[in-house]
Amino acid sequence: MKTRRDIFQAMADPTRRAILTLVALQAMTPGAIADKFDSSRQTISKHIQILTECQLLKQEESGREIYYHFNPKKMKEIADFIEPFRKMWDDRFNKLETIMKKSS
């Protein structure tokens, strides 16, 4: 049985964000991912497991190797959720800029 993970909690970890950045550029094996970090392979494996459970990474077997691929569809879901907040803050910063220009 798969554990249900919170995608935002998964994204909050800097190591997991770094893994996503690496895998976004090219599919990688767990060993290749682990080689990029000072943490143990077991620790990196746990991070990969969490990202896979959140569907931010997808597994693909190729012979004996397992490759992890970035899942842009899942990242788009996050971006779509955040977009209204970004627009709200853009509006607020634009209003602040207008006020500051008037007062200078």
N, C-alpha and C. Protein backbone atom coordinates (compact mmCIF):
# COMPACT_ATOMS: atom_id res chain seq x y z
N MET A 1 0.84 -1.19 0.00
CA MET A 1 0.00 0.00 0.00
C MET A 1 0.88 1.25 0.00
N LYS A 2 0.59 2.17 -0.90
CA LYS A 2 1.37 3.40 -1.01
C LYS A 2 0.90 4.41 0.04
N THR A 3 1.87 5.09 0.61
CA THR A 3 1.57 6.16 1.56
C THR A 3 1.20 7.41 0.77
N ARG A 4 0.14 8.06 1.19
CA ARG A 4 -0.27 9.30 0.55
C ARG A 4 0.56 10.43 1.13
N ARG A 5 1.26 11.16 0.28
CA ARG A 5 2.13 12.25 0.72
C ARG A 5 1.56 13.60 0.30
N ASP A 6 1.86 14.60 1.09
CA ASP A 6 1.48 15.97 0.74
C ASP A 6 2.55 16.53 -0.19
N ILE A 7 2.14 16.95 -1.36
CA ILE A 7 3.08 17.41 -2.39
C ILE A 7 3.83 18.67 -1.95
N PHE A 8 3.16 19.55 -1.21
CA PHE A 8 3.82 20.78 -0.77
C PHE A 8 4.83 20.50 0.34
N GLN A 9 4.54 19.55 1.18
CA GLN A 9 5.50 19.15 2.19
C GLN A 9 6.72 18.51 1.52
N ALA A 10 6.49 17.74 0.49
CA ALA A 10 7.59 17.13 -0.26
C ALA A 10 8.46 18.20 -0.92
N MET A 11 7.84 19.21 -1.46
CA MET A 11 8.56 20.29 -2.15
C MET A 11 9.29 21.21 -1.17
N ALA A 12 8.91 21.17 0.10
CA ALA A 12 9.53 22.06 1.08
C ALA A 12 10.98 21.67 1.39
N ASP A 13 11.35 20.44 1.12
CA ASP A 13 12.69 19.97 1.45
C ASP A 13 13.69 20.39 0.36
N PRO A 14 14.78 21.06 0.72
CA PRO A 14 15.74 21.53 -0.28
C PRO A 14 16.42 20.40 -1.06
N THR A 15 16.65 19.27 -0.42
CA THR A 15 17.26 18.14 -1.14
C THR A 15 16.31 17.61 -2.20
N ARG A 16 15.04 17.52 -1.88
CA ARG A 16 14.06 17.04 -2.87
C ARG A 16 13.92 18.03 -4.02
N ARG A 17 13.98 19.32 -3.72
CA ARG A 17 13.93 20.31 -4.80
C ARG A 17 15.17 20.18 -5.69
N ALA A 18 16.31 19.92 -5.09
CA ALA A 18 17.54 19.73 -5.87
C ALA A 18 17.45 18.47 -6.74
N ILE A 19 16.86 17.42 -6.21
CA ILE A 19 16.66 16.19 -7.00
C ILE A 19 15.76 16.48 -8.19
N LEU A 20 14.68 17.20 -7.96
CA LEU A 20 13.77 17.55 -9.06
C LEU A 20 14.49 18.36 -10.13
N THR A 21 15.33 19.28 -9.70
CA THR A 21 16.08 20.10 -10.65
C THR A 21 17.01 19.24 -11.50
N LEU A 22 17.67 18.29 -10.87
CA LEU A 22 18.56 17.38 -11.61
C LEU A 22 17.79 16.54 -12.63
N VAL A 23 16.71 15.94 -12.16
CA VAL A 23 15.96 15.01 -13.00
C VAL A 23 15.16 15.74 -14.07
N ALA A 24 14.87 17.02 -13.84
CA ALA A 24 14.17 17.79 -14.86
C ALA A 24 15.02 17.94 -16.12
N LEU A 25 16.35 17.93 -15.95
CA LEU A 25 17.26 18.07 -17.08
C LEU A 25 17.44 16.78 -17.86
N GLN A 26 17.43 15.64 -17.14
CA GLN A 26 17.56 14.34 -17.80
C GLN A 26 17.15 13.24 -16.83
N ALA A 27 16.65 12.14 -17.36
CA ALA A 27 16.31 10.98 -16.54
C ALA A 27 17.59 10.44 -15.92
N MET A 28 17.47 9.98 -14.67
CA MET A 28 18.65 9.51 -13.95
C MET A 28 18.32 8.27 -13.15
N THR A 29 19.34 7.44 -12.93
CA THR A 29 19.21 6.29 -12.04
C THR A 29 19.36 6.78 -10.60
N PRO A 30 18.88 5.99 -9.64
CA PRO A 30 19.05 6.39 -8.24
C PRO A 30 20.52 6.59 -7.86
N GLY A 31 21.39 5.73 -8.38
CA GLY A 31 22.81 5.87 -8.09
C GLY A 31 23.40 7.16 -8.62
N ALA A 32 23.00 7.53 -9.83
CA ALA A 32 23.48 8.78 -10.44
C ALA A 32 22.98 9.99 -9.66
N ILE A 33 21.75 9.90 -9.17
CA ILE A 33 21.20 10.99 -8.35
C ILE A 33 21.99 11.08 -7.05
N ALA A 34 22.17 9.94 -6.39
CA ALA A 34 22.85 9.90 -5.09
C ALA A 34 24.29 10.41 -5.20
N ASP A 35 24.94 10.16 -6.33
CA ASP A 35 26.32 10.62 -6.52
C ASP A 35 26.45 12.14 -6.48
N LYS A 36 25.36 12.85 -6.69
CA LYS A 36 25.38 14.32 -6.71
C LYS A 36 25.25 14.94 -5.32
N PHE A 37 25.06 14.08 -4.30
CA PHE A 37 24.81 14.59 -2.96
C PHE A 37 25.80 13.99 -1.97
N ASP A 38 25.99 14.68 -0.84
CA ASP A 38 26.86 14.19 0.22
C ASP A 38 26.12 13.23 1.15
N SER A 39 24.81 13.12 1.02
CA SER A 39 24.02 12.24 1.87
C SER A 39 24.22 10.78 1.45
N SER A 40 23.81 9.87 2.33
CA SER A 40 23.91 8.45 2.01
C SER A 40 22.92 8.08 0.91
N ARG A 41 23.20 6.99 0.24
CA ARG A 41 22.29 6.51 -0.81
C ARG A 41 20.91 6.20 -0.23
N GLN A 42 20.91 5.68 0.99
CA GLN A 42 19.64 5.35 1.64
C GLN A 42 18.80 6.61 1.86
N THR A 43 19.44 7.69 2.27
CA THR A 43 18.73 8.96 2.48
C THR A 43 18.17 9.48 1.16
N ILE A 44 18.98 9.46 0.11
CA ILE A 44 18.54 9.93 -1.20
C ILE A 44 17.42 9.04 -1.72
N SER A 45 17.53 7.74 -1.48
CA SER A 45 16.49 6.80 -1.89
C SER A 45 15.15 7.15 -1.24
N LYS A 46 15.19 7.55 0.03
CA LYS A 46 13.96 7.94 0.73
C LYS A 46 13.37 9.21 0.10
N HIS A 47 14.22 10.15 -0.24
CA HIS A 47 13.75 11.37 -0.91
C HIS A 47 13.10 11.02 -2.25
N ILE A 48 13.73 10.14 -3.00
CA ILE A 48 13.19 9.71 -4.30
C ILE A 48 11.84 9.02 -4.10
N GLN A 49 11.75 8.20 -3.08
CA GLN A 49 10.49 7.51 -2.78
C GLN A 49 9.37 8.51 -2.52
N ILE A 50 9.64 9.52 -1.73
CA ILE A 50 8.64 10.55 -1.42
C ILE A 50 8.22 11.29 -2.68
N LEU A 51 9.18 11.67 -3.51
CA LEU A 51 8.86 12.37 -4.76
C LEU A 51 8.07 11.48 -5.71
N THR A 52 8.34 10.20 -5.70
CA THR A 52 7.59 9.26 -6.54
C THR A 52 6.17 9.10 -6.02
N GLU A 53 6.02 8.99 -4.70
CA GLU A 53 4.68 8.87 -4.10
C GLU A 53 3.83 10.10 -4.39
N CYS A 54 4.46 11.25 -4.50
CA CYS A 54 3.75 12.49 -4.83
C CYS A 54 3.56 12.65 -6.33
N GLN A 55 4.08 11.73 -7.09
CA GLN A 55 3.99 11.72 -8.55
C GLN A 55 4.77 12.85 -9.21
N LEU A 56 5.75 13.40 -8.50
CA LEU A 56 6.62 14.40 -9.11
C LEU A 56 7.71 13.72 -9.94
N LEU A 57 8.01 12.47 -9.59
CA LEU A 57 8.93 11.64 -10.38
C LEU A 57 8.18 10.40 -10.84
N LYS A 58 8.56 9.94 -12.02
CA LYS A 58 8.01 8.69 -12.55
C LYS A 58 9.17 7.71 -12.76
N GLN A 59 8.90 6.44 -12.49
CA GLN A 59 9.90 5.39 -12.68
C GLN A 59 9.75 4.75 -14.05
N GLU A 60 10.88 4.40 -14.65
CA GLU A 60 10.85 3.63 -15.89
C GLU A 60 11.99 2.61 -15.83
N GLU A 61 11.65 1.35 -16.03
CA GLU A 61 12.67 0.31 -16.04
C GLU A 61 13.22 0.16 -17.44
N SER A 62 14.53 0.03 -17.51
CA SER A 62 15.22 -0.19 -18.77
C SER A 62 16.29 -1.25 -18.50
N GLY A 63 15.97 -2.49 -18.83
CA GLY A 63 16.86 -3.59 -18.48
C GLY A 63 16.91 -3.74 -16.98
N ARG A 64 18.11 -3.73 -16.43
CA ARG A 64 18.28 -3.83 -14.98
C ARG A 64 18.15 -2.50 -14.27
N GLU A 65 18.22 -1.44 -15.01
CA GLU A 65 18.24 -0.09 -14.42
C GLU A 65 16.83 0.47 -14.26
N ILE A 66 16.69 1.29 -13.24
CA ILE A 66 15.47 2.08 -13.06
C ILE A 66 15.87 3.53 -13.27
N TYR A 67 15.14 4.21 -14.13
CA TYR A 67 15.38 5.63 -14.38
C TYR A 67 14.21 6.43 -13.82
N TYR A 68 14.54 7.56 -13.25
CA TYR A 68 13.52 8.47 -12.75
C TYR A 68 13.41 9.65 -13.69
N HIS A 69 12.17 9.96 -14.03
CA HIS A 69 11.85 11.06 -14.93
C HIS A 69 11.03 12.10 -14.16
N PHE A 70 11.24 13.32 -14.50
CA PHE A 70 10.45 14.44 -13.96
C PHE A 70 9.04 14.37 -14.56
N ASN A 71 8.02 14.61 -13.74
CA ASN A 71 6.64 14.60 -14.21
C ASN A 71 6.12 16.04 -14.31
N PRO A 72 6.21 16.64 -15.50
CA PRO A 72 5.80 18.05 -15.62
C PRO A 72 4.30 18.26 -15.40
N LYS A 73 3.49 17.24 -15.63
CA LYS A 73 2.04 17.40 -15.41
C LYS A 73 1.74 17.68 -13.93
N LYS A 74 2.44 16.99 -13.06
CA LYS A 74 2.22 17.20 -11.63
C LYS A 74 2.73 18.57 -11.20
N MET A 75 3.84 19.00 -11.77
CA MET A 75 4.38 20.32 -11.44
C MET A 75 3.42 21.41 -11.94
N LYS A 76 2.76 21.17 -13.06
CA LYS A 76 1.79 22.13 -13.58
C LYS A 76 0.62 22.27 -12.62
N GLU A 77 0.22 21.18 -11.98
CA GLU A 77 -0.85 21.25 -10.98
C GLU A 77 -0.45 22.19 -9.84
N ILE A 78 0.81 22.12 -9.43
CA ILE A 78 1.30 23.00 -8.38
C ILE A 78 1.30 24.45 -8.86
N ALA A 79 1.80 24.66 -10.07
CA ALA A 79 1.86 26.01 -10.64
C ALA A 79 0.45 26.59 -10.78
N ASP A 80 -0.50 25.77 -11.21
CA ASP A 80 -1.88 26.23 -11.36
C ASP A 80 -2.47 26.63 -10.01
N PHE A 81 -2.12 25.90 -8.96
CA PHE A 81 -2.61 26.22 -7.62
C PHE A 81 -2.02 27.55 -7.14
N ILE A 82 -0.75 27.77 -7.42
CA ILE A 82 -0.04 28.96 -6.93
C ILE A 82 -0.36 30.22 -7.73
N GLU A 83 -0.74 30.07 -8.98
CA GLU A 83 -0.95 31.21 -9.89
C GLU A 83 -1.85 32.32 -9.32
N PRO A 84 -3.02 32.01 -8.75
CA PRO A 84 -3.85 33.11 -8.21
C PRO A 84 -3.14 33.91 -7.12
N PHE A 85 -2.30 33.25 -6.33
CA PHE A 85 -1.55 33.94 -5.28
C PHE A 85 -0.50 34.85 -5.91
N ARG A 86 0.15 34.36 -6.96
CA ARG A 86 1.16 35.17 -7.64
C ARG A 86 0.52 36.43 -8.22
N LYS A 87 -0.64 36.28 -8.83
CA LYS A 87 -1.34 37.44 -9.40
C LYS A 87 -1.72 38.43 -8.30
N MET A 88 -2.18 37.91 -7.18
CA MET A 88 -2.56 38.79 -6.07
C MET A 88 -1.35 39.60 -5.60
N TRP A 89 -0.20 38.94 -5.44
CA TRP A 89 0.99 39.65 -4.98
C TRP A 89 1.52 40.59 -6.04
N ASP A 90 1.44 40.22 -7.30
CA ASP A 90 1.85 41.14 -8.37
C ASP A 90 1.02 42.41 -8.32
N ASP A 91 -0.29 42.26 -8.14
CA ASP A 91 -1.17 43.43 -8.04
C ASP A 91 -0.79 44.31 -6.85
N ARG A 92 -0.52 43.68 -5.73
CA ARG A 92 -0.16 44.44 -4.53
C ARG A 92 1.17 45.18 -4.71
N PHE A 93 2.15 44.52 -5.30
CA PHE A 93 3.43 45.17 -5.54
C PHE A 93 3.30 46.29 -6.56
N ASN A 94 2.47 46.13 -7.56
CA ASN A 94 2.24 47.19 -8.55
C ASN A 94 1.59 48.40 -7.89
N LYS A 95 0.62 48.17 -7.00
CA LYS A 95 -0.01 49.28 -6.27
C LYS A 95 1.00 49.98 -5.38
N LEU A 96 1.84 49.21 -4.70
CA LEU A 96 2.86 49.79 -3.85
C LEU A 96 3.84 50.62 -4.67
N GLU A 97 4.22 50.13 -5.81
CA GLU A 97 5.13 50.87 -6.70
C GLU A 97 4.50 52.19 -7.13
N THR A 98 3.23 52.16 -7.47
CA THR A 98 2.52 53.37 -7.87
C THR A 98 2.51 54.38 -6.74
N ILE A 99 2.22 53.93 -5.51
CA ILE A 99 2.20 54.81 -4.35
C ILE A 99 3.58 55.41 -4.11
N MET A 100 4.60 54.59 -4.22
CA MET A 100 5.97 55.07 -3.99
C MET A 100 6.39 56.10 -5.03
N LYS A 101 5.99 55.91 -6.28
CA LYS A 101 6.34 56.86 -7.34
C LYS A 101 5.64 58.19 -7.10
N LYS A 102 4.40 58.15 -6.61
CA LYS A 102 3.65 59.39 -6.35
C LYS A 102 4.26 60.18 -5.21
N SER A 103 4.80 59.47 -4.22
CA SER A 103 5.33 60.16 -3.03
C SER A 103 6.77 60.64 -3.21
N SER A 104 7.44 60.25 -4.29
CA SER A 104 8.82 60.68 -4.44
C SER A 104 8.95 61.91 -5.30
